[in-house]
Protein backbone atom coordinates (compact mmCIF):
# COMPACT_ATOMS: atom_id res chain seq x y z
CA UNK A 1 30.52 5.71 6.92
CA UNK A 2 31.70 3.53 4.04
CA UNK A 3 29.35 0.65 4.85
CA UNK A 4 26.30 2.92 4.64
CA UNK A 5 27.48 4.09 1.23
CA UNK A 6 27.98 0.49 0.07
CA UNK A 7 24.39 -0.37 1.01
CA UNK A 8 23.01 2.89 -0.40
CA UNK A 9 24.82 2.20 -3.69
CA UNK A 10 23.13 -1.20 -3.89
CA UNK A 11 26.39 -3.14 -3.74
CA UNK A 12 25.14 -5.21 -0.77
CA UNK A 13 22.15 -5.43 1.54
CA UNK A 14 24.41 -5.57 4.60
CA UNK A 15 28.00 -4.48 4.98
CA UNK A 16 30.64 -4.29 7.66
CA UNK A 17 33.97 -2.58 7.10
CA UNK A 18 36.78 -3.27 9.53
CA UNK A 19 39.73 -0.90 9.69
CA UNK A 20 42.84 -1.90 11.66
CA UNK A 21 45.46 0.67 12.56
CA UNK A 22 48.94 0.38 14.05
CA UNK A 23 50.98 2.96 15.90
CA UNK A 24 53.15 4.97 13.57
CA UNK A 25 51.00 4.32 10.49
CA UNK A 26 48.61 6.96 9.17
CA UNK A 27 46.78 4.50 6.93
CA UNK A 28 45.05 1.32 8.09
CA UNK A 29 47.30 -1.73 8.03
CA UNK A 30 44.25 -3.82 7.14
CA UNK A 31 40.84 -3.18 5.60
CA UNK A 32 38.30 -6.00 5.57
CA UNK A 33 34.84 -6.02 3.96
CA UNK A 34 32.11 -8.45 4.99
CA UNK A 35 28.72 -8.52 3.27
CA UNK A 36 27.39 -11.63 5.02
CA UNK A 37 26.42 -13.20 1.69
CA UNK A 38 24.30 -10.21 0.63
CA UNK A 39 26.81 -8.70 -1.82
CA UNK A 40 25.68 -7.95 -5.36
CA UNK A 41 29.35 -7.82 -6.38
CA UNK A 42 32.43 -9.50 -4.94
CA UNK A 43 33.76 -8.19 -1.63
CA UNK A 44 37.15 -7.58 -3.28
CA UNK A 45 35.42 -5.27 -5.78
CA UNK A 46 33.74 -3.37 -2.95
CA UNK A 47 37.08 -3.06 -1.16
CA UNK A 48 38.73 -1.65 -4.31
CA UNK A 49 35.95 0.90 -4.72
CA UNK A 50 36.18 1.93 -1.07
CA UNK A 51 39.94 2.36 -1.25
CA UNK A 52 39.55 4.48 -4.40
CA UNK A 53 36.87 6.74 -2.92
CA UNK A 54 37.60 7.07 0.79
CA UNK A 55 40.68 8.39 2.52
CA UNK A 56 41.07 6.17 5.59
CA UNK A 57 44.08 8.03 6.99
CA UNK A 58 43.36 9.10 10.57
CA UNK A 59 43.97 12.79 9.92
CA UNK A 60 41.60 12.72 6.96
CA UNK A 61 38.86 11.10 9.04
CA UNK A 62 39.32 13.75 11.75
CA UNK A 63 39.06 16.53 9.14
CA UNK A 64 36.20 14.99 7.16
CA UNK A 65 34.02 14.51 10.23
CA UNK A 66 35.13 17.78 11.83
CA UNK A 67 35.98 15.85 15.00
CA UNK A 68 38.13 18.63 16.44
CA UNK A 69 35.39 21.25 16.26
CA UNK A 70 32.17 19.23 16.37
CA UNK A 71 32.09 19.10 20.20
CA UNK A 72 32.54 22.90 20.41
CA UNK A 73 29.65 23.43 18.02
CA UNK A 74 27.40 21.32 20.28
CA UNK A 75 27.72 22.89 23.71
CA UNK A 76 25.54 20.35 25.53
CA UNK A 77 28.28 17.73 25.87
CA UNK A 78 28.47 16.20 22.42
CA UNK A 79 30.52 13.09 23.20
CA UNK A 80 28.70 12.49 26.49
CA UNK A 81 25.31 12.58 24.70
CA UNK A 82 26.68 10.42 21.91
CA UNK A 83 27.92 7.83 24.39
CA UNK A 84 24.57 7.77 26.20
CA UNK A 85 22.16 7.92 23.25
CA UNK A 86 24.27 6.61 20.41
CA UNK A 87 23.90 8.09 16.96
CA UNK A 88 20.17 7.36 16.94
CA UNK A 89 19.01 10.25 19.12
CA UNK A 90 17.04 13.08 17.53
CA UNK A 91 19.88 15.52 18.04
CA UNK A 92 22.22 13.31 16.05
CA UNK A 93 20.23 13.02 12.84
CA UNK A 94 22.85 14.95 10.86
CA UNK A 95 26.06 13.34 12.06
CA UNK A 96 28.75 13.58 9.39
CA UNK A 97 29.47 9.85 9.43
CA UNK A 98 25.82 9.04 8.68
CA UNK A 99 25.93 10.61 5.20
CA UNK A 100 25.66 8.47 2.08
CA UNK A 101 26.98 11.17 -0.22
CA UNK A 102 29.37 8.87 -2.08
CA UNK A 103 26.95 6.08 -2.87
CA UNK A 104 25.64 6.97 -6.29
CA UNK A 105 28.36 8.67 -8.25
CA UNK A 106 31.52 7.20 -6.76
CA UNK A 107 30.88 3.61 -5.72
CA UNK A 108 28.96 2.37 -8.75
């Protein structure tokens, strides 16, 4: 999710965002950004923009991606199909985590 927005905003050509969680903590205990030398701005700047524009708390991710109800809306075994085909199958073209809706106005 955030890495696609970073690339779509033109902040880097490649981006990986690593979130590390610990039991008992709603927020990540660590957020790392790696642009593999393709960043147009510093990785620390990208990290600051991500933290300002994305809520990485687990409950927020569940709500934002509709993870509780998404399987019920896709009766053909949503998670099973996702595990087999990945997010690249035709039926998964509109997955909520594939959106780049925050690229232009929020990350620049």
